[in-house]
C-alpha atoms as a PDB file:
ATOM      1  CA  MET A   1      81.116 104.813  77.806  1.00  0.00           C
ATOM      2  CA  LYS A   2      80.883 104.553  81.603  1.00  0.00           C
ATOM      3  CA  ILE A   3      80.356 100.810  81.396  1.00  0.00           C
ATOM      4  CA  ALA A   4      83.553 100.435  79.350  1.00  0.00           C
ATOM      5  CA  LEU A   5      85.470 102.507  81.897  1.00  0.00           C
ATOM      6  CA  TYR A   6      84.157 100.433  84.813  1.00  0.00           C
ATOM      7  CA  TYR A   7      84.987  97.246  82.935  1.00  0.00           C
ATOM      8  CA  LEU A   8      88.565  98.401  82.324  1.00  0.00           C
ATOM      9  CA  LEU A   9      89.020  99.436  85.955  1.00  0.00           C
ATOM     10  CA  ILE A  10      87.767  96.073  87.196  1.00  0.00           C
ATOM     11  CA  VAL A  11      89.707  93.889  84.736  1.00  0.00           C
ATOM     12  CA  ASN A  12      92.923  95.803  85.441  1.00  0.00           C
ATOM     13  CA  ALA A  13      92.456  95.523  89.210  1.00  0.00           C
ATOM     14  CA  VAL A  14      91.792  91.796  88.829  1.00  0.00           C
ATOM     15  CA  ALA A  15      94.854  91.320  86.606  1.00  0.00           C
ATOM     16  CA  PHE A  16      97.062  93.178  89.085  1.00  0.00           C
ATOM     17  CA  CYS A  17      95.800  91.073  91.992  1.00  0.00           C
ATOM     18  CA  ILE A  18      96.055  87.781  90.085  1.00  0.00           C
ATOM     19  CA  TYR A  19      99.703  88.472  89.237  1.00  0.00           C
ATOM     20  CA  GLY A  20     100.341  89.077  92.942  1.00  0.00           C
ATOM     21  CA  ILE A  21      98.508  85.905  93.940  1.00  0.00           C
ATOM     22  CA  ASP A  22     100.487  83.870  91.413  1.00  0.00           C
ATOM     23  CA  LYS A  23     103.737  85.307  92.773  1.00  0.00           C
ATOM     24  CA  LEU A  24     102.758  84.249  96.308  1.00  0.00           C
ATOM     25  CA  LYS A  25     101.853  80.778  95.045  1.00  0.00           C
ATOM     26  CA  ALA A  26     105.220  80.545  93.284  1.00  0.00           C
ATOM     27  CA  LYS A  27     107.053  81.388  96.515  1.00  0.00           C
ATOM     28  CA  LYS A  28     105.141  78.716  98.421  1.00  0.00           C
ATOM     29  CA  ASN A  29     105.449  76.037  95.695  1.00  0.00           C
ATOM     30  CA  ARG A  30     101.679  75.812  95.355  1.00  0.00           C
ATOM     31  CA  TRP A  31      99.401  75.193  92.398  1.00  0.00           C
ATOM     32  CA  ARG A  32      99.971  78.091  89.982  1.00  0.00           C
ATOM     33  CA  ILE A  33      97.686  80.164  87.835  1.00  0.00           C
ATOM     34  CA  ALA A  34      98.016  79.189  84.170  1.00  0.00           C
ATOM     35  CA  GLU A  35     100.117  81.460  81.979  1.00  0.00           C
ATOM     36  CA  SER A  36      97.235  81.502  79.498  1.00  0.00           C
ATOM     37  CA  THR A  37      95.017  82.983  82.209  1.00  0.00           C
ATOM     38  CA  LEU A  38      97.582  85.650  83.062  1.00  0.00           C
ATOM     39  CA  LEU A  39      98.024  86.619  79.411  1.00  0.00           C
ATOM     40  CA  GLY A  40      94.288  86.284  78.792  1.00  0.00           C
ATOM     41  CA  LEU A  41      93.580  88.924  81.411  1.00  0.00           C
ATOM     42  CA  ALA A  42      95.958  91.277  79.592  1.00  0.00           C
ATOM     43  CA  VAL A  43      94.257  90.590  76.254  1.00  0.00           C
ATOM     44  CA  ALA A  44      90.813  91.073  77.848  1.00  0.00           C
ATOM     45  CA  GLY A  45      91.717  94.688  78.622  1.00  0.00           C
ATOM     46  CA  GLY A  46      93.805  94.243  81.762  1.00  0.00           C
ATOM     47  CA  SER A  47      97.157  94.976  80.148  1.00  0.00           C
ATOM     48  CA  VAL A  48      97.881  97.950  82.419  1.00  0.00           C
ATOM     49  CA  GLY A  49      97.128  95.877  85.516  1.00  0.00           C
ATOM     50  CA  ALA A  50      99.188  92.982  84.161  1.00  0.00           C
ATOM     51  CA  TRP A  51     102.144  95.236  83.398  1.00  0.00           C
ATOM     52  CA  LEU A  52     101.929  96.920  86.815  1.00  0.00           C
ATOM     53  CA  GLY A  53     101.604  93.491  88.452  1.00  0.00           C
ATOM     54  CA  MET A  54     104.761  92.351  86.702  1.00  0.00           C
ATOM     55  CA  LYS A  55     106.638  95.429  87.915  1.00  0.00           C
ATOM     56  CA  VAL A  56     105.290  95.666  91.465  1.00  0.00           C
ATOM     57  CA  TRP A  57     105.379  91.938  92.244  1.00  0.00           C
ATOM     58  CA  ARG A  58     108.509  91.321  90.123  1.00  0.00           C
ATOM     59  CA  HIS A  59     106.689  88.437  88.537  1.00  0.00           C
ATOM     60  CA  LYS A  60     107.166  86.879  85.090  1.00  0.00           C
ATOM     61  CA  THR A  61     109.639  89.618  84.142  1.00  0.00           C
ATOM     62  CA  GLN A  62     112.177  87.178  82.672  1.00  0.00           C
ATOM     63  CA  HIS A  63     109.735  85.108  80.642  1.00  0.00           C
ATOM     64  CA  LYS A  64     109.866  86.315  77.027  1.00  0.00           C
ATOM     65  CA  LYS A  65     106.120  85.739  76.568  1.00  0.00           C
ATOM     66  CA  PHE A  66     105.467  88.241  79.320  1.00  0.00           C
ATOM     67  CA  LYS A  67     108.512  90.491  78.999  1.00  0.00           C
ATOM     68  CA  TYR A  68     107.612  91.319  75.403  1.00  0.00           C
ATOM     69  CA  GLY A  69     104.015  90.109  75.133  1.00  0.00           C
ATOM     70  CA  VAL A  70     102.386  92.245  77.797  1.00  0.00           C
ATOM     71  CA  PRO A  71     103.961  95.529  76.577  1.00  0.00           C
ATOM     72  CA  ILE A  72     102.950  94.675  72.986  1.00  0.00           C
ATOM     73  CA  ILE A  73      99.389  93.983  74.138  1.00  0.00           C
ATOM     74  CA  LEU A  74      99.409  97.247  76.120  1.00  0.00           C
ATOM     75  CA  LEU A  75     100.636  99.286  73.151  1.00  0.00           C
ATOM     76  CA  SER A  76      98.172  97.592  70.797  1.00  0.00           C
ATOM     77  CA  GLN A  77      95.272  98.338  73.123  1.00  0.00           C
ATOM     78  CA  GLY A  78      96.431 101.920  73.561  1.00  0.00           C
ATOM     79  CA  LEU A  79      96.592 102.361  69.794  1.00  0.00           C
ATOM     80  CA  LEU A  80      93.161 100.789  69.401  1.00  0.00           C
ATOM     81  CA  CYS A  81      91.729 103.159  72.029  1.00  0.00           C
ATOM     82  CA  CYS A  82      93.198 106.147  70.178  1.00  0.00           C
ATOM     83  CA  VAL A  83      91.728 104.988  66.874  1.00  0.00           C
ATOM     84  CA  VAL A  84      88.297 104.416  68.433  1.00  0.00           C
ATOM     85  CA  TRP A  85      88.441 107.761  70.267  1.00  0.00           C
ATOM     86  CA  PHE A  86      89.258 109.723  67.103  1.00  0.00           C
ATOM     87  CA  TYR A  87      86.679 107.767  65.127  1.00  0.00           C
ATOM     88  CA  LEU A  88      83.900 108.511  67.641  1.00  0.00           C
ATOM     89  CA  ASN A  89      84.951 112.145  68.155  1.00  0.00           C
ATOM     90  CA  PRO A  90      85.677 113.606  64.698  1.00  0.00           C
END
């Protein structure tokens, strides 16, 4: 259980930072991080970090993939966590 918690903390911190880095790259017209990578981090468990990165950095908030996709991923993962929690703790 601790390993899962550490994993989630790390992947969310990475997602948050990557969204910030991509925002800086966008401002400087530099090579960008692929949208598939940004969304992949959310799917890999970093949906909270991705969502916070979108809000804090004001990044990708108008792109429908992100505007709707990241919250759907976040809600799906939250629901999955609840199901697993209740399954493991009857």
